[in-house]
Amino acid sequence: MADIKVNAHSDIPLYKQIAEQIKQEVANLQLKAGDHIPTVRELAFTLKINPATVARAYQELEQQGIVGASRRRGTIVLGDTDSPQRLPLRRSQLEGLVNKMIYEGLSLGYSPDELDAAFNLSLARWRNQRMSSD
């Protein structure tokens, strides 16, 4: 797991900064299904922040189905994202993300064609970066 860093001066709440960085590591395959992430206490100590902040980040990630917690195993990255039970939730989440980006772009005056081109270019860049890091 790469080092998680927080910026206390950012407008983004600390728990969201933590959650986003973990999501990024999962997306970039730095964290894979079954990988353990630090305990709430460990990460709070490392970042010198309140454990409740880390717990809130982990809770958000758990609600989104990205991590799972158990007393015996600790907190791990979940796999099996294609399970039939999770598929409707995943589709709904993805649709929400895409709609948010579309509405935000359109409200800023971008055309649907501009949004499509920007999305495809960003996705292609991400794929290239991911392939070159393998």
C-alpha atoms as a PDB file:
ATOM      1  CA  MET A   1       0.000   0.000   0.000  1.00  0.00           C
ATOM      2  CA  ALA A   2       1.370   3.372  -0.995  1.00  0.00           C
ATOM      3  CA  ASP A   3       1.678   6.085   1.594  1.00  0.00           C
ATOM      4  CA  ILE A   4      -1.560   7.866   2.324  1.00  0.00           C
ATOM      5  CA  LYS A   5      -1.142  11.565   2.882  1.00  0.00           C
ATOM      6  CA  VAL A   6      -3.662  14.101   4.126  1.00  0.00           C
ATOM      7  CA  ASN A   7      -3.694  17.853   3.839  1.00  0.00           C
ATOM      8  CA  ALA A   8      -5.233  19.502   6.889  1.00  0.00           C
ATOM      9  CA  HIS A   9      -5.489  22.790   4.962  1.00  0.00           C
ATOM     10  CA  SER A  10      -7.561  21.343   2.129  1.00  0.00           C
ATOM     11  CA  ASP A  11     -11.260  22.069   1.731  1.00  0.00           C
ATOM     12  CA  ILE A  12     -11.769  18.309   1.308  1.00  0.00           C
ATOM     13  CA  PRO A  13     -12.497  16.578   4.631  1.00  0.00           C
ATOM     14  CA  LEU A  14      -9.698  14.314   5.853  1.00  0.00           C
ATOM     15  CA  TYR A  15     -11.853  11.196   5.760  1.00  0.00           C
ATOM     16  CA  LYS A  16     -12.689  11.846   2.099  1.00  0.00           C
ATOM     17  CA  GLN A  17      -8.998  12.357   1.289  1.00  0.00           C
ATOM     18  CA  ILE A  18      -8.218   8.965   2.837  1.00  0.00           C
ATOM     19  CA  ALA A  19     -11.111   7.196   1.109  1.00  0.00           C
ATOM     20  CA  GLU A  20     -10.244   8.678  -2.291  1.00  0.00           C
ATOM     21  CA  GLN A  21      -6.601   7.635  -2.024  1.00  0.00           C
ATOM     22  CA  ILE A  22      -7.569   4.076  -1.146  1.00  0.00           C
ATOM     23  CA  LYS A  23     -10.047   4.002  -4.055  1.00  0.00           C
ATOM     24  CA  GLN A  24      -7.270   5.251  -6.342  1.00  0.00           C
ATOM     25  CA  GLU A  25      -4.947   2.465  -5.168  1.00  0.00           C
ATOM     26  CA  VAL A  26      -7.656  -0.127  -5.820  1.00  0.00           C
ATOM     27  CA  ALA A  27      -8.332   1.341  -9.276  1.00  0.00           C
ATOM     28  CA  ASN A  28      -4.608   1.313 -10.106  1.00  0.00           C
ATOM     29  CA  LEU A  29      -4.268  -2.257  -8.797  1.00  0.00           C
ATOM     30  CA  GLN A  30      -1.825  -1.171  -6.090  1.00  0.00           C
ATOM     31  CA  LEU A  31      -4.360  -2.798  -3.768  1.00  0.00           C
ATOM     32  CA  LYS A  32      -5.963  -6.026  -4.898  1.00  0.00           C
ATOM     33  CA  ALA A  33      -8.763  -8.213  -3.584  1.00  0.00           C
ATOM     34  CA  GLY A  34      -7.717  -9.762  -0.294  1.00  0.00           C
ATOM     35  CA  ASP A  35      -5.044  -7.159   0.504  1.00  0.00           C
ATOM     36  CA  HIS A  36      -5.115  -5.840   4.043  1.00  0.00           C
ATOM     37  CA  ILE A  37      -5.192  -2.127   4.709  1.00  0.00           C
ATOM     38  CA  PRO A  38      -3.829  -0.644   7.939  1.00  0.00           C
ATOM     39  CA  THR A  39      -6.002  -0.785  11.021  1.00  0.00           C
ATOM     40  CA  VAL A  40      -7.832   2.352  12.033  1.00  0.00           C
ATOM     41  CA  ARG A  41      -5.388   2.875  14.893  1.00  0.00           C
ATOM     42  CA  GLU A  42      -2.301   2.272  12.747  1.00  0.00           C
ATOM     43  CA  LEU A  43      -3.357   4.705  10.050  1.00  0.00           C
ATOM     44  CA  ALA A  44      -4.525   7.324  12.553  1.00  0.00           C
ATOM     45  CA  PHE A  45      -1.176   7.084  14.357  1.00  0.00           C
ATOM     46  CA  THR A  46       0.783   7.333  11.092  1.00  0.00           C
ATOM     47  CA  LEU A  47      -1.225  10.344   9.892  1.00  0.00           C
ATOM     48  CA  LYS A  48      -1.402  11.888  13.372  1.00  0.00           C
ATOM     49  CA  ILE A  49      -5.165  12.298  13.168  1.00  0.00           C
ATOM     50  CA  ASN A  50      -8.171  11.200  15.203  1.00  0.00           C
ATOM     51  CA  PRO A  51      -9.002   7.491  14.771  1.00  0.00           C
ATOM     52  CA  ALA A  52     -12.662   8.446  14.267  1.00  0.00           C
ATOM     53  CA  THR A  53     -11.633  10.192  11.032  1.00  0.00           C
ATOM     54  CA  VAL A  54     -10.012   7.028   9.673  1.00  0.00           C
ATOM     55  CA  ALA A  55     -12.980   4.962  10.876  1.00  0.00           C
ATOM     56  CA  ARG A  56     -15.320   7.247   8.942  1.00  0.00           C
ATOM     57  CA  ALA A  57     -13.241   6.798   5.771  1.00  0.00           C
ATOM     58  CA  TYR A  58     -13.259   3.021   6.186  1.00  0.00           C
ATOM     59  CA  GLN A  59     -17.003   3.062   6.874  1.00  0.00           C
ATOM     60  CA  GLU A  60     -17.604   4.976   3.640  1.00  0.00           C
ATOM     61  CA  LEU A  61     -15.436   2.504   1.713  1.00  0.00           C
ATOM     62  CA  GLU A  62     -17.281  -0.398   3.308  1.00  0.00           C
ATOM     63  CA  GLN A  63     -20.682   1.063   2.367  1.00  0.00           C
ATOM     64  CA  GLN A  64     -19.445   1.372  -1.210  1.00  0.00           C
ATOM     65  CA  GLY A  65     -18.359  -2.272  -1.219  1.00  0.00           C
ATOM     66  CA  ILE A  66     -14.672  -1.490  -1.697  1.00  0.00           C
ATOM     67  CA  VAL A  67     -13.442  -2.900   1.618  1.00  0.00           C
ATOM     68  CA  GLY A  68     -14.813  -5.277   4.184  1.00  0.00           C
ATOM     69  CA  ALA A  69     -14.046  -5.480   7.878  1.00  0.00           C
ATOM     70  CA  SER A  70     -14.053  -8.366  10.282  1.00  0.00           C
ATOM     71  CA  ARG A  71     -12.707  -8.698  13.795  1.00  0.00           C
ATOM     72  CA  ARG A  72     -10.536 -11.671  12.863  1.00  0.00           C
ATOM     73  CA  ARG A  73      -9.214 -10.640   9.459  1.00  0.00           C
ATOM     74  CA  GLY A  74      -9.080  -6.868   9.802  1.00  0.00           C
ATOM     75  CA  THR A  75     -10.031  -4.628   6.916  1.00  0.00           C
ATOM     76  CA  ILE A  76      -9.393  -6.037   3.464  1.00  0.00           C
ATOM     77  CA  VAL A  77     -10.030  -5.037  -0.119  1.00  0.00           C
ATOM     78  CA  LEU A  78     -13.033  -6.916  -1.431  1.00  0.00           C
ATOM     79  CA  GLY A  79     -12.978  -8.893  -4.611  1.00  0.00           C
ATOM     80  CA  ASP A  80     -15.743 -10.574  -6.502  1.00  0.00           C
ATOM     81  CA  THR A  81     -17.065  -7.286  -7.839  1.00  0.00           C
ATOM     82  CA  ASP A  82     -19.071  -9.236 -10.411  1.00  0.00           C
ATOM     83  CA  SER A  83     -21.145 -11.146  -7.880  1.00  0.00           C
ATOM     84  CA  PRO A  84     -24.852 -11.099  -8.797  1.00  0.00           C
ATOM     85  CA  GLN A  85     -25.755  -9.501  -5.459  1.00  0.00           C
ATOM     86  CA  ARG A  86     -23.437  -6.520  -5.996  1.00  0.00           C
ATOM     87  CA  LEU A  87     -24.060  -5.959  -9.705  1.00  0.00           C
ATOM     88  CA  PRO A  88     -27.158  -3.715  -9.378  1.00  0.00           C
ATOM     89  CA  LEU A  89     -25.408  -1.560  -6.759  1.00  0.00           C
ATOM     90  CA  ARG A  90     -22.263  -1.271  -8.888  1.00  0.00           C
ATOM     91  CA  ARG A  91     -24.286  -0.293 -11.957  1.00  0.00           C
ATOM     92  CA  SER A  92     -26.209   2.295  -9.976  1.00  0.00           C
ATOM     93  CA  GLN A  93     -23.021   3.755  -8.519  1.00  0.00           C
ATOM     94  CA  LEU A  94     -21.375   3.947 -11.943  1.00  0.00           C
ATOM     95  CA  GLU A  95     -24.437   5.568 -13.465  1.00  0.00           C
ATOM     96  CA  GLY A  96     -24.452   8.138 -10.675  1.00  0.00           C
ATOM     97  CA  LEU A  97     -20.782   8.954 -11.222  1.00  0.00           C
ATOM     98  CA  VAL A  98     -21.220   9.343 -14.962  1.00  0.00           C
ATOM     99  CA  ASN A  99     -24.383  11.445 -14.602  1.00  0.00           C
ATOM    100  CA  LYS A 100     -22.673  13.726 -12.097  1.00  0.00           C
ATOM    101  CA  MET A 101     -19.800  14.320 -14.503  1.00  0.00           C
ATOM    102  CA  ILE A 102     -22.166  14.942 -17.414  1.00  0.00           C
ATOM    103  CA  TYR A 103     -24.369  17.400 -15.514  1.00  0.00           C
ATOM    104  CA  GLU A 104     -21.368  19.250 -14.147  1.00  0.00           C
ATOM    105  CA  GLY A 105     -19.744  19.487 -17.585  1.00  0.00           C
ATOM    106  CA  LEU A 106     -22.942  20.597 -19.280  1.00  0.00           C
ATOM    107  CA  SER A 107     -23.580  23.216 -16.600  1.00  0.00           C
ATOM    108  CA  LEU A 108     -20.115  24.614 -17.303  1.00  0.00           C
ATOM    109  CA  GLY A 109     -21.004  24.997 -20.966  1.00  0.00           C
ATOM    110  CA  TYR A 110     -19.261  21.971 -22.476  1.00  0.00           C
ATOM    111  CA  SER A 111     -21.028  20.173 -25.291  1.00  0.00           C
ATOM    112  CA  PRO A 112     -21.791  16.458 -25.156  1.00  0.00           C
ATOM    113  CA  ASP A 113     -19.165  15.917 -27.870  1.00  0.00           C
ATOM    114  CA  GLU A 114     -16.529  17.744 -25.801  1.00  0.00           C
ATOM    115  CA  LEU A 115     -17.408  15.654 -22.743  1.00  0.00           C
ATOM    116  CA  ASP A 116     -17.208  12.457 -24.778  1.00  0.00           C
ATOM    117  CA  ALA A 117     -13.799  13.387 -26.216  1.00  0.00           C
ATOM    118  CA  ALA A 118     -12.412  14.408 -22.806  1.00  0.00           C
ATOM    119  CA  PHE A 119     -13.657  11.205 -21.189  1.00  0.00           C
ATOM    120  CA  ASN A 120     -12.211   8.973 -23.904  1.00  0.00           C
ATOM    121  CA  LEU A 121      -8.874  10.807 -23.864  1.00  0.00           C
ATOM    122  CA  SER A 122      -8.607  10.565 -20.073  1.00  0.00           C
ATOM    123  CA  LEU A 123      -9.515   6.881 -20.113  1.00  0.00           C
ATOM    124  CA  ALA A 124      -6.924   6.183 -22.836  1.00  0.00           C
ATOM    125  CA  ARG A 125      -4.239   8.022 -20.838  1.00  0.00           C
ATOM    126  CA  TRP A 126      -5.144   6.073 -17.706  1.00  0.00           C
ATOM    127  CA  ARG A 127      -4.923   2.771 -19.613  1.00  0.00           C
ATOM    128  CA  ASN A 128      -1.499   3.707 -21.007  1.00  0.00           C
ATOM    129  CA  GLN A 129      -0.203   4.642 -17.557  1.00  0.00           C
ATOM    130  CA  ARG A 130      -1.538   1.421 -16.093  1.00  0.00           C
ATOM    131  CA  MET A 131       0.024  -0.685 -18.860  1.00  0.00           C
ATOM    132  CA  SER A 132       3.394   1.047 -18.570  1.00  0.00           C
ATOM    133  CA  SER A 133       3.496   0.468 -14.796  1.00  0.00           C
ATOM    134  CA  ASP A 134       2.902  -3.305 -15.162  1.00  0.00           C
END
